[in-house]
N, C-alpha and C. Protein backbone atom coordinates (compact mmCIF):
# COMPACT_ATOMS: atom_id res chain seq x y z
N MET A 1 -10.49 -18.81 -6.55
CA MET A 1 -11.43 -17.50 -6.99
C MET A 1 -10.25 -16.32 -6.71
N LEU A 2 -9.93 -14.71 -7.39
CA LEU A 2 -8.92 -14.28 -7.16
C LEU A 2 -9.55 -13.03 -6.89
N MET A 3 -7.81 -12.33 -6.74
CA MET A 3 -7.79 -11.70 -6.17
C MET A 3 -6.23 -10.10 -6.67
N THR A 4 -7.19 -9.41 -7.72
CA THR A 4 -6.32 -9.15 -8.22
C THR A 4 -5.57 -7.72 -8.02
N CYS A 5 -5.25 -6.42 -8.59
CA CYS A 5 -4.59 -5.30 -8.64
C CYS A 5 -6.10 -5.20 -7.52
N ASN A 6 -5.38 -5.26 -6.20
CA ASN A 6 -5.81 -5.22 -4.39
C ASN A 6 -5.17 -3.58 -4.10
N TYR A 7 -6.12 -2.37 -4.15
CA TYR A 7 -6.26 -0.71 -3.93
C TYR A 7 -5.83 -0.54 -2.69
N MET A 8 -6.36 -1.66 -1.92
CA MET A 8 -5.83 -1.72 -0.46
C MET A 8 -4.42 -1.66 -0.21
N ASN A 9 -3.83 -2.89 -0.63
CA ASN A 9 -2.28 -3.23 -0.41
C ASN A 9 -1.63 -3.07 -2.27
N GLU A 10 -1.81 -2.72 -2.72
CA GLU A 10 -0.34 -2.26 -3.67
C GLU A 10 -0.39 -3.63 -4.31
N GLY A 11 -1.62 -4.20 -4.57
CA GLY A 11 -1.83 -5.27 -5.50
C GLY A 11 -0.89 -5.57 -6.49
N CYS A 12 -1.09 -4.73 -7.83
CA CYS A 12 -0.17 -4.29 -8.59
C CYS A 12 0.93 -4.65 -9.05
N ASP A 13 2.26 -3.53 -7.63
CA ASP A 13 3.24 -3.69 -7.12
C ASP A 13 3.77 -4.84 -6.22
N GLY A 14 3.58 -5.95 -5.91
CA GLY A 14 3.48 -6.93 -5.06
C GLY A 14 2.49 -7.01 -4.28
N GLY A 15 2.05 -6.13 -2.86
CA GLY A 15 1.54 -5.62 -2.17
C GLY A 15 1.59 -6.74 -0.78
N TRP A 16 0.38 -6.68 -0.29
CA TRP A 16 0.42 -7.53 1.34
C TRP A 16 -0.49 -8.22 1.26
N PRO A 17 0.10 -9.36 1.00
CA PRO A 17 -0.41 -11.07 1.57
C PRO A 17 -2.61 -10.08 2.56
N HIS A 18 -1.58 -10.24 3.38
CA HIS A 18 -2.61 -10.48 4.86
C HIS A 18 -3.55 -8.98 4.76
N PHE A 19 -3.74 -7.96 3.88
CA PHE A 19 -4.23 -7.22 3.35
C PHE A 19 -5.18 -7.75 2.23
N ASN A 20 -5.04 -8.74 1.86
CA ASN A 20 -6.14 -9.81 1.05
C ASN A 20 -7.67 -10.31 1.69
N VAL A 21 -7.56 -10.27 2.64
CA VAL A 21 -8.81 -10.45 3.34
C VAL A 21 -9.69 -9.08 3.70
N PHE A 22 -9.33 -7.92 4.06
CA PHE A 22 -9.59 -7.19 4.03
C PHE A 22 -10.04 -6.43 2.77
N LEU A 23 -9.30 -6.55 1.58
CA LEU A 23 -10.00 -5.87 -0.14
C LEU A 23 -11.70 -6.90 -0.21
N GLY A 24 -11.01 -8.65 0.49
CA GLY A 24 -12.07 -8.96 -0.45
C GLY A 24 -13.73 -8.38 1.15
N GLN A 25 -13.66 -8.82 2.31
CA GLN A 25 -14.44 -7.77 2.79
C GLN A 25 -14.62 -6.24 2.02
N SER A 26 -14.25 -5.74 1.81
CA SER A 26 -14.21 -4.40 2.00
C SER A 26 -14.80 -3.80 0.68
N GLY A 27 -13.78 -4.54 -0.42
CA GLY A 27 -14.64 -4.99 -2.36
C GLY A 27 -15.19 -6.69 -2.83
N HIS A 28 -15.05 -7.13 -3.87
CA HIS A 28 -15.16 -8.45 -4.01
C HIS A 28 -13.34 -9.15 -4.37
N MET A 29 -14.24 -10.28 -4.97
CA MET A 29 -13.43 -10.74 -5.25
C MET A 29 -13.56 -11.47 -6.81
N ILE A 30 -12.66 -12.39 -8.05
CA ILE A 30 -13.32 -11.90 -9.01
C ILE A 30 -12.81 -13.69 -9.22
N SER A 31 -13.41 -13.99 -10.27
CA SER A 31 -12.60 -15.56 -10.11
C SER A 31 -11.26 -16.14 -11.75
N GLU A 32 -10.16 -16.37 -12.02
CA GLU A 32 -9.40 -16.77 -12.62
C GLU A 32 -9.53 -17.04 -13.66
N GLU A 33 -10.99 -17.70 -14.31
CA GLU A 33 -10.98 -17.17 -16.08
C GLU A 33 -11.44 -15.72 -16.55
N CYS A 34 -11.34 -14.66 -15.17
CA CYS A 34 -11.47 -13.73 -16.20
C CYS A 34 -10.24 -13.00 -15.27
N ALA A 35 -9.25 -13.21 -14.74
CA ALA A 35 -8.28 -12.75 -14.57
C ALA A 35 -6.74 -13.40 -13.72
N PRO A 36 -6.63 -14.72 -15.47
CA PRO A 36 -5.87 -15.62 -15.10
C PRO A 36 -4.24 -15.07 -14.33
N TYR A 37 -3.90 -15.98 -13.34
CA TYR A 37 -3.03 -15.95 -12.91
C TYR A 37 -1.46 -16.12 -13.69
N MET A 38 -0.45 -14.57 -13.94
CA MET A 38 0.30 -15.18 -14.13
C MET A 38 1.58 -14.89 -13.68
N GLY A 39 1.99 -14.97 -12.25
CA GLY A 39 2.47 -14.64 -12.08
C GLY A 39 4.02 -13.47 -11.42
N LYS A 40 3.10 -12.58 -12.44
CA LYS A 40 3.92 -11.06 -11.83
C LYS A 40 2.50 -10.52 -12.25
N THR A 41 2.68 -8.73 -11.74
CA THR A 41 1.99 -7.88 -12.29
C THR A 41 2.62 -6.64 -12.53
N ARG A 42 3.41 -6.92 -12.85
CA ARG A 42 5.01 -6.02 -13.69
C ARG A 42 4.39 -6.09 -15.49
N GLY A 43 3.47 -4.69 -15.45
CA GLY A 43 3.46 -3.71 -16.76
C GLY A 43 1.99 -4.28 -16.35
N ASP A 44 1.39 -4.57 -15.72
CA ASP A 44 0.07 -5.85 -15.68
C ASP A 44 -0.68 -3.74 -15.04
N SER A 45 -2.41 -3.69 -15.43
CA SER A 45 -3.28 -2.48 -14.72
C SER A 45 -4.68 -3.34 -14.79
N CYS A 46 -4.38 -2.91 -13.81
CA CYS A 46 -6.44 -2.81 -12.83
C CYS A 46 -7.49 -2.86 -13.75
N LYS A 47 -6.76 -1.72 -14.91
CA LYS A 47 -8.34 -0.86 -15.84
C LYS A 47 -8.13 -3.22 -17.09
N ASN A 48 -7.79 -3.61 -16.75
CA ASN A 48 -7.50 -4.97 -17.40
C ASN A 48 -8.90 -5.65 -16.78
N TYR A 49 -8.83 -5.52 -15.12
CA TYR A 49 -9.32 -6.38 -15.69
C TYR A 49 -11.00 -5.53 -14.48
N GLU A 50 -11.89 -4.23 -15.22
CA GLU A 50 -12.19 -4.06 -14.73
C GLU A 50 -14.02 -4.32 -14.85
N SER A 51 -14.57 -5.20 -16.16
CA SER A 51 -15.52 -5.94 -16.69
C SER A 51 -15.18 -7.66 -15.79
N CYS A 52 -14.07 -6.75 -14.88
CA CYS A 52 -15.29 -8.55 -14.01
C CYS A 52 -16.00 -8.82 -13.78
N PRO A 53 -17.27 -10.00 -13.02
CA PRO A 53 -18.21 -9.64 -11.91
C PRO A 53 -18.16 -10.21 -10.72
N PRO A 54 -18.59 -10.04 -9.41
CA PRO A 54 -17.26 -10.48 -8.97
C PRO A 54 -18.30 -11.95 -7.94
N ILE A 55 -17.63 -12.79 -7.62
CA ILE A 55 -18.23 -14.13 -7.17
C ILE A 55 -18.24 -14.06 -6.28
N ALA A 56 -16.93 -13.05 -5.10
CA ALA A 56 -17.31 -14.10 -3.88
C ALA A 56 -17.08 -12.68 -3.02
N LYS A 57 -17.17 -12.33 -1.84
CA LYS A 57 -16.98 -11.08 -0.84
C LYS A 57 -16.79 -12.08 0.86
N ILE A 58 -16.66 -11.57 1.60
CA ILE A 58 -15.45 -12.41 3.10
C ILE A 58 -16.46 -10.96 4.15
N LYS A 59 -16.95 -12.00 4.55
CA LYS A 59 -18.57 -11.75 5.49
C LYS A 59 -18.10 -10.54 6.60
N GLN A 60 -16.88 -11.13 6.93
CA GLN A 60 -15.76 -10.80 8.14
C GLN A 60 -14.32 -11.17 8.04
N SER A 61 -13.44 -10.01 8.36
CA SER A 61 -12.37 -10.99 8.80
C SER A 61 -11.42 -10.54 10.34
N TYR A 62 -10.04 -11.10 10.55
CA TYR A 62 -10.08 -11.13 11.79
C TYR A 62 -8.49 -11.62 11.14
N LEU A 63 -7.34 -11.43 12.83
CA LEU A 63 -5.43 -11.63 13.09
C LEU A 63 -6.69 -13.31 13.66
N VAL A 64 -5.43 -14.11 13.58
CA VAL A 64 -5.79 -15.23 13.80
C VAL A 64 -4.96 -15.25 15.19
N GLY A 65 -4.92 -15.47 16.28
CA GLY A 65 -4.74 -14.45 18.02
C GLY A 65 -4.88 -13.14 18.43
N GLY A 66 -6.05 -12.90 17.53
CA GLY A 66 -5.79 -11.85 17.87
C GLY A 66 -5.67 -9.85 16.91
N GLY A 67 -4.37 -10.34 16.94
CA GLY A 67 -3.65 -9.18 16.00
C GLY A 67 -2.40 -9.60 15.84
N TRP A 68 -1.97 -8.68 15.61
CA TRP A 68 -0.79 -8.73 14.60
C TRP A 68 0.61 -8.99 15.80
N GLY A 69 1.13 -10.64 15.22
CA GLY A 69 2.24 -10.69 15.68
C GLY A 69 1.56 -11.97 17.33
N ALA A 70 0.65 -12.25 17.53
CA ALA A 70 -0.08 -11.97 18.47
C ALA A 70 -0.24 -14.33 18.19
N THR A 71 -0.56 -14.89 16.75
CA THR A 71 0.12 -16.11 16.33
C THR A 71 0.32 -16.93 16.58
N SER A 72 0.43 -17.68 16.64
CA SER A 72 0.84 -19.85 16.15
C SER A 72 0.45 -20.34 15.75
N GLU A 73 1.52 -21.44 15.33
CA GLU A 73 1.28 -22.50 15.04
C GLU A 73 0.22 -23.08 15.22
N LYS A 74 0.51 -23.55 16.35
CA LYS A 74 -1.51 -24.35 16.37
C LYS A 74 -2.45 -22.79 16.63
N LYS A 75 -2.40 -21.79 17.25
CA LYS A 75 -3.56 -21.78 16.43
C LYS A 75 -3.85 -21.58 15.19
N MET A 76 -3.10 -21.40 14.14
CA MET A 76 -3.22 -21.26 12.58
C MET A 76 -4.00 -22.81 12.70
N MET A 77 -3.23 -23.85 12.82
CA MET A 77 -4.03 -24.98 12.61
C MET A 77 -5.53 -25.39 13.46
N LYS A 78 -6.08 -24.89 14.76
CA LYS A 78 -7.10 -24.54 15.35
C LYS A 78 -8.31 -23.78 14.37
N GLU A 79 -7.61 -22.22 13.74
CA GLU A 79 -8.21 -21.88 12.57
C GLU A 79 -8.13 -23.08 11.76
N ILE A 80 -7.72 -23.62 10.89
CA ILE A 80 -7.84 -23.82 9.39
C ILE A 80 -8.93 -24.55 9.49
N LEU A 81 -8.48 -25.62 10.85
CA LEU A 81 -9.48 -27.42 11.33
C LEU A 81 -11.83 -26.47 11.99
N ARG A 82 -10.64 -25.50 12.36
CA ARG A 82 -13.21 -24.91 13.22
C ARG A 82 -13.24 -24.21 11.10
N ASN A 83 -12.18 -23.03 10.34
CA ASN A 83 -12.64 -22.35 9.71
C ASN A 83 -12.56 -22.91 8.50
N GLY A 84 -11.68 -23.34 8.22
CA GLY A 84 -11.18 -23.50 7.00
C GLY A 84 -9.84 -22.50 6.40
N PRO A 85 -9.43 -22.31 5.04
CA PRO A 85 -8.53 -21.43 4.86
C PRO A 85 -7.94 -20.27 5.16
N ILE A 86 -6.94 -19.88 5.06
CA ILE A 86 -6.91 -18.71 6.52
C ILE A 86 -5.80 -17.81 4.88
N ASN A 87 -5.39 -16.87 5.40
CA ASN A 87 -4.25 -16.12 3.97
C ASN A 87 -3.30 -16.15 4.89
N GLY A 88 -1.74 -15.67 4.48
CA GLY A 88 -0.55 -16.14 5.77
C GLY A 88 0.22 -15.88 4.99
N ASP A 89 1.58 -14.86 5.28
CA ASP A 89 2.63 -14.61 4.81
C ASP A 89 4.37 -14.96 5.31
N PHE A 90 5.17 -15.25 4.80
CA PHE A 90 6.19 -15.51 6.05
C PHE A 90 7.31 -14.39 5.02
């Protein structure tokens, strides 16, 4: 699954990965077949993906640890074990 051109976080101009889950919750995700990964977004346009059908939506998102900066490696490991993949940035 792919979230491209995230209008909530400057997606086509770099973006802030921690806001991807909020797009998935407020909008939807599309397939990589419709919007192939290219490793760059410069010169790309969100209009190129307007016809991509939605394939998934996130029901609920939250910050591991309860707030920005309140997590730890142990909390992240527990989250992955209990609920699956997490979104992160370093």
